[in-house]
Amino acid sequence: MTLSASPDKPVYLRLRELIAERIIAGRYRDGDPLPSVRAFAAEQGANPLTVAKAYQGFQDEGLILVKRGVGMFVAEGARSRLGNSERRNFIEQEWPAIRARMERLGIEPADLLAKA
């Protein structure tokens, strides 16, 4: 994912999605350190304050822990919690729109499975 992928979303939400994707994919595992705010901002071409806002959201939810003077770390169970949240969001928010579009276009689920 790149920051230009969803220009209609605020940058901090796109950064948050990127971090969540990396946690779910196992790139950042439970207990692993996260990049510093400045390092992640430089990597993504974002403002450090915007990265701090994205990190703060995870901290508020207990998905990352801050160890003063050491850095930020993925909390135990964060991958599982984020995965469950993403699945629930897909089923409740994204799938209905996908299903409706498939119906409009006359696409059957079997058609998609045959292409896989």
Protein backbone atom coordinates (compact mmCIF):
# COMPACT_ATOMS: atom_id res chain seq x y z
CA MET A 1 0.00 0.00 0.00
CA THR A 2 1.18 3.52 -0.73
CA LEU A 3 -0.14 6.76 0.64
CA SER A 4 -1.48 7.66 -2.80
CA ALA A 5 -3.58 4.47 -2.89
CA SER A 6 -6.64 6.08 -1.25
CA PRO A 7 -6.42 9.84 -1.71
CA ASP A 8 -9.95 10.29 -0.34
CA LYS A 9 -8.85 9.10 3.14
CA PRO A 10 -6.88 11.22 5.59
CA VAL A 11 -3.17 10.39 5.61
CA TYR A 12 -3.16 9.24 9.24
CA LEU A 13 -5.86 6.65 8.40
CA ARG A 14 -3.85 5.41 5.42
CA LEU A 15 -0.78 5.13 7.65
CA ARG A 16 -2.85 3.30 10.22
CA GLU A 17 -4.06 0.82 7.59
CA LEU A 18 -0.48 0.24 6.45
CA ILE A 19 0.72 -0.45 9.99
CA ALA A 20 -2.27 -2.75 10.61
CA GLU A 21 -1.55 -4.63 7.36
CA ARG A 22 2.06 -5.14 8.43
CA ILE A 23 1.02 -6.42 11.86
CA ILE A 24 -1.58 -8.80 10.40
CA ALA A 25 0.91 -10.05 7.78
CA GLY A 26 3.46 -10.74 10.52
CA ARG A 27 6.00 -8.18 9.39
CA TYR A 28 5.66 -6.63 12.85
CA ARG A 29 5.03 -9.46 15.31
CA ASP A 30 3.74 -9.29 18.87
CA GLY A 31 6.54 -7.82 20.97
CA ASP A 32 8.48 -6.43 18.00
CA PRO A 33 9.63 -2.82 17.98
CA LEU A 34 7.95 -0.47 15.54
CA PRO A 35 9.94 2.04 13.53
CA SER A 36 10.36 5.36 15.28
CA VAL A 37 7.94 8.11 14.32
CA ARG A 38 10.66 9.92 12.40
CA ALA A 39 11.91 6.80 10.62
CA PHE A 40 8.41 5.74 9.57
CA ALA A 41 7.58 9.30 8.48
CA ALA A 42 10.71 9.39 6.32
CA GLU A 43 9.95 5.95 4.85
CA GLN A 44 6.41 6.99 3.92
CA GLY A 45 7.09 10.61 2.99
CA ALA A 46 4.70 11.77 5.70
CA ASN A 47 4.77 14.41 8.39
CA PRO A 48 6.04 13.02 11.74
CA LEU A 49 3.03 14.55 13.53
CA THR A 50 0.72 12.58 11.23
CA VAL A 51 2.61 9.35 11.98
CA ALA A 52 2.40 10.15 15.70
CA LYS A 53 -1.37 10.50 15.34
CA ALA A 54 -1.61 7.08 13.66
CA TYR A 55 0.54 5.50 16.38
CA GLN A 56 -1.49 7.21 19.09
CA GLY A 57 -4.66 5.53 17.83
CA PHE A 58 -3.03 2.12 18.20
CA GLN A 59 -1.73 3.06 21.63
CA ASP A 60 -5.21 4.18 22.74
CA GLU A 61 -6.56 0.78 21.67
CA GLY A 62 -3.81 -1.10 23.49
CA LEU A 63 -2.35 -2.47 20.26
CA ILE A 64 1.07 -0.89 20.76
CA LEU A 65 2.98 -0.20 23.93
CA VAL A 66 5.34 2.67 24.59
CA LYS A 67 8.46 2.04 26.63
CA ARG A 68 9.82 5.44 27.50
CA GLY A 69 13.33 5.94 26.22
CA VAL A 70 13.23 2.64 24.32
CA GLY A 71 10.47 2.92 21.70
CA MET A 72 7.12 1.53 20.66
CA PHE A 73 6.32 -2.18 20.51
CA VAL A 74 3.50 -4.30 19.14
CA ALA A 75 1.37 -5.44 22.09
CA GLU A 76 0.79 -9.13 22.78
CA GLY A 77 -2.33 -10.27 20.93
CA ALA A 78 -2.37 -7.27 18.57
CA ARG A 79 -2.19 -9.43 15.44
CA SER A 80 -5.14 -11.53 16.53
CA ARG A 81 -7.22 -8.53 17.56
CA LEU A 82 -6.48 -6.64 14.35
CA GLY A 83 -7.22 -9.71 12.23
CA ASN A 84 -10.58 -10.21 13.94
CA SER A 85 -11.40 -6.54 13.50
CA GLU A 86 -10.44 -6.58 9.81
CA ARG A 87 -12.53 -9.72 9.17
CA ARG A 88 -15.54 -8.18 10.93
CA ASN A 89 -15.11 -4.94 8.95
CA PHE A 90 -14.88 -6.85 5.67
CA ILE A 91 -17.99 -8.89 6.36
CA GLU A 92 -20.07 -6.00 7.69
CA GLN A 93 -18.83 -3.07 5.59
CA GLU A 94 -17.05 -4.19 2.43
CA TRP A 95 -18.73 -7.46 1.47
CA PRO A 96 -22.27 -6.07 1.06
CA ALA A 97 -21.02 -3.57 -1.55
CA ILE A 98 -18.96 -6.24 -3.34
CA ARG A 99 -21.90 -8.64 -3.33
CA ALA A 100 -24.26 -5.98 -4.69
CA ARG A 101 -21.82 -5.13 -7.48
CA MET A 102 -21.42 -8.82 -8.36
CA GLU A 103 -25.20 -9.12 -8.60
CA ARG A 104 -25.42 -6.03 -10.84
CA LEU A 105 -22.74 -7.47 -13.12
CA GLY A 106 -24.16 -10.98 -13.11
CA ILE A 107 -21.07 -12.51 -11.53
CA GLU A 108 -21.57 -15.72 -9.60
CA PRO A 109 -19.20 -16.72 -6.77
CA ALA A 110 -18.36 -19.87 -8.73
CA ASP A 111 -17.12 -17.66 -11.59
CA LEU A 112 -14.57 -16.12 -9.25
CA LEU A 113 -13.48 -19.44 -7.80
CA ALA A 114 -12.97 -20.84 -11.30
CA LYS A 115 -10.51 -17.99 -12.02
CA ALA A 116 -8.43 -18.62 -8.89
